[in-house]
């Protein structure tokens, strides 16, 4: 059974940085697509970034492009989300997600098979 465990959330001032980690286990991830989504109170879950495990192709939401960077460490089966220039509107619970196959929609939550428990990111103004 695939398990995803996020870490690295916290409270940071506007303009600051955080790095989220997602440790994946229980599967062979070479064919997977990994993603980060976020959900603010009263809002729908929204796509943030995604990466194909094989080849490392990345995708970003327009709202985070140029500020966030998604990457992976094959040896550690871990995906990272480096978040710089944080804004109060980035405040949300951030979820790591995994899709068994890299093809398909990378920006829709329905396109992912496994989810982590989420980690809170709070950006103060």
Protein backbone atom coordinates (compact mmCIF):
# COMPACT_ATOMS: atom_id res chain seq x y z
CA UNK A 1 0.00 0.00 0.00
CA UNK A 2 1.39 3.35 -1.04
CA UNK A 3 1.83 5.80 1.81
CA UNK A 4 2.65 9.49 1.57
CA UNK A 5 3.84 11.44 4.58
CA UNK A 6 4.19 15.22 4.38
CA UNK A 7 6.31 17.38 6.65
CA UNK A 8 7.77 20.87 6.77
CA UNK A 9 4.71 23.04 7.23
CA UNK A 10 4.58 25.85 9.74
CA UNK A 11 4.10 29.54 10.37
CA UNK A 12 6.14 32.04 8.37
CA UNK A 13 6.01 35.76 7.67
CA UNK A 14 5.13 37.10 4.26
CA UNK A 15 8.15 37.00 1.99
CA UNK A 16 9.62 34.03 3.82
CA UNK A 17 10.33 30.49 2.67
CA UNK A 18 9.39 26.95 3.60
CA UNK A 19 10.28 23.56 2.15
CA UNK A 20 7.69 20.80 2.26
CA UNK A 21 8.70 17.16 2.00
CA UNK A 22 6.65 14.15 0.95
CA UNK A 23 8.13 10.76 1.77
CA UNK A 24 6.65 8.00 -0.38
CA UNK A 25 6.71 4.30 0.44
CA UNK A 26 5.04 1.04 -0.51
CA UNK A 27 5.40 1.28 -4.26
CA UNK A 28 7.71 1.51 -7.25
CA UNK A 29 7.54 5.12 -8.23
CA UNK A 30 9.43 5.28 -11.51
CA UNK A 31 6.17 5.50 -13.51
CA UNK A 32 4.38 7.79 -11.09
CA UNK A 33 3.41 11.44 -11.25
CA UNK A 34 3.60 13.30 -7.95
CA UNK A 35 1.69 16.43 -7.12
CA UNK A 36 1.11 19.06 -4.49
CA UNK A 37 -2.34 20.51 -3.88
CA UNK A 38 -3.61 22.92 -1.27
CA UNK A 39 -6.90 23.71 0.37
CA UNK A 40 -7.74 26.90 2.22
CA UNK A 41 -10.73 27.12 4.60
CA UNK A 42 -13.98 27.36 2.67
CA UNK A 43 -12.28 26.78 -0.67
CA UNK A 44 -11.88 23.85 -3.00
CA UNK A 45 -8.65 21.90 -3.19
CA UNK A 46 -6.45 23.44 -5.86
CA UNK A 47 -3.46 22.30 -7.85
CA UNK A 48 -0.07 23.74 -6.95
CA UNK A 49 2.64 21.75 -8.74
CA UNK A 50 3.41 18.32 -10.18
CA UNK A 51 6.42 16.34 -11.36
CA UNK A 52 6.88 13.18 -13.38
CA UNK A 53 9.09 10.85 -11.39
CA UNK A 54 10.79 9.63 -14.53
CA UNK A 55 12.38 12.47 -16.43
CA UNK A 56 11.44 15.15 -13.93
CA UNK A 57 9.05 17.19 -16.10
CA UNK A 58 7.40 19.80 -13.90
CA UNK A 59 4.10 21.67 -13.98
CA UNK A 60 2.97 24.67 -11.95
CA UNK A 61 -0.15 26.65 -11.23
CA UNK A 62 0.11 30.21 -12.51
CA UNK A 63 -0.31 31.53 -8.97
CA UNK A 64 2.96 29.93 -7.79
CA UNK A 65 5.06 29.96 -10.95
CA UNK A 66 8.42 31.60 -10.30
CA UNK A 67 8.05 31.30 -6.51
CA UNK A 68 7.63 27.55 -5.88
CA UNK A 69 9.84 24.72 -7.10
CA UNK A 70 8.95 21.03 -7.08
CA UNK A 71 11.72 18.42 -7.13
CA UNK A 72 12.34 14.80 -6.25
CA UNK A 73 15.09 12.70 -4.76
CA UNK A 74 15.02 9.25 -6.32
CA UNK A 75 17.26 7.68 -3.70
CA UNK A 76 15.03 8.84 -0.85
CA UNK A 77 11.67 8.41 -2.63
CA UNK A 78 10.91 11.94 -1.54
CA UNK A 79 9.30 14.88 -3.31
CA UNK A 80 9.91 18.45 -2.21
CA UNK A 81 8.10 21.73 -2.63
CA UNK A 82 10.37 24.70 -2.09
CA UNK A 83 8.22 27.76 -1.45
CA UNK A 84 9.81 31.20 -1.66
CA UNK A 85 8.25 34.64 -1.55
CA UNK A 86 5.30 33.35 0.45
CA UNK A 87 2.14 35.43 0.56
CA UNK A 88 -0.78 35.36 3.00
CA UNK A 89 -2.92 33.90 0.22
CA UNK A 90 -0.65 30.84 0.19
CA UNK A 91 -2.07 29.91 3.61
CA UNK A 92 -3.64 26.46 3.32
CA UNK A 93 -3.29 22.80 4.15
CA UNK A 94 -0.87 21.36 1.61
CA UNK A 95 -1.36 17.80 0.39
CA UNK A 96 1.02 15.49 -1.41
CA UNK A 97 -0.56 13.21 -4.02
CA UNK A 98 0.60 10.34 -6.22
CA UNK A 99 -0.73 9.02 -9.52
CA UNK A 100 0.27 5.53 -10.62
CA UNK A 101 0.77 6.66 -14.18
CA UNK A 102 2.37 9.90 -15.35
CA UNK A 103 -0.11 10.37 -18.20
CA UNK A 104 -3.43 12.06 -17.60
CA UNK A 105 -4.44 15.32 -16.05
CA UNK A 106 -1.80 16.61 -13.67
CA UNK A 107 -3.92 19.49 -12.35
CA UNK A 108 -7.10 17.66 -11.36
CA UNK A 109 -7.34 16.06 -7.94
CA UNK A 110 -9.27 13.19 -9.50
CA UNK A 111 -6.16 12.33 -11.48
CA UNK A 112 -4.34 11.10 -8.37
CA UNK A 113 -4.67 7.76 -6.61
CA UNK A 114 -3.04 8.35 -3.24
CA UNK A 115 -2.99 11.26 -0.81
CA UNK A 116 -1.06 12.27 2.26
CA UNK A 117 -2.61 13.59 5.43
CA UNK A 118 -1.69 17.22 4.75
CA UNK A 119 0.52 19.78 6.44
CA UNK A 120 -0.55 23.29 7.48
CA UNK A 121 1.19 26.31 6.01
CA UNK A 122 0.32 29.68 7.52
CA UNK A 123 1.71 32.94 6.14
CA UNK A 124 1.28 36.02 8.30
CA UNK A 125 1.15 39.52 6.85
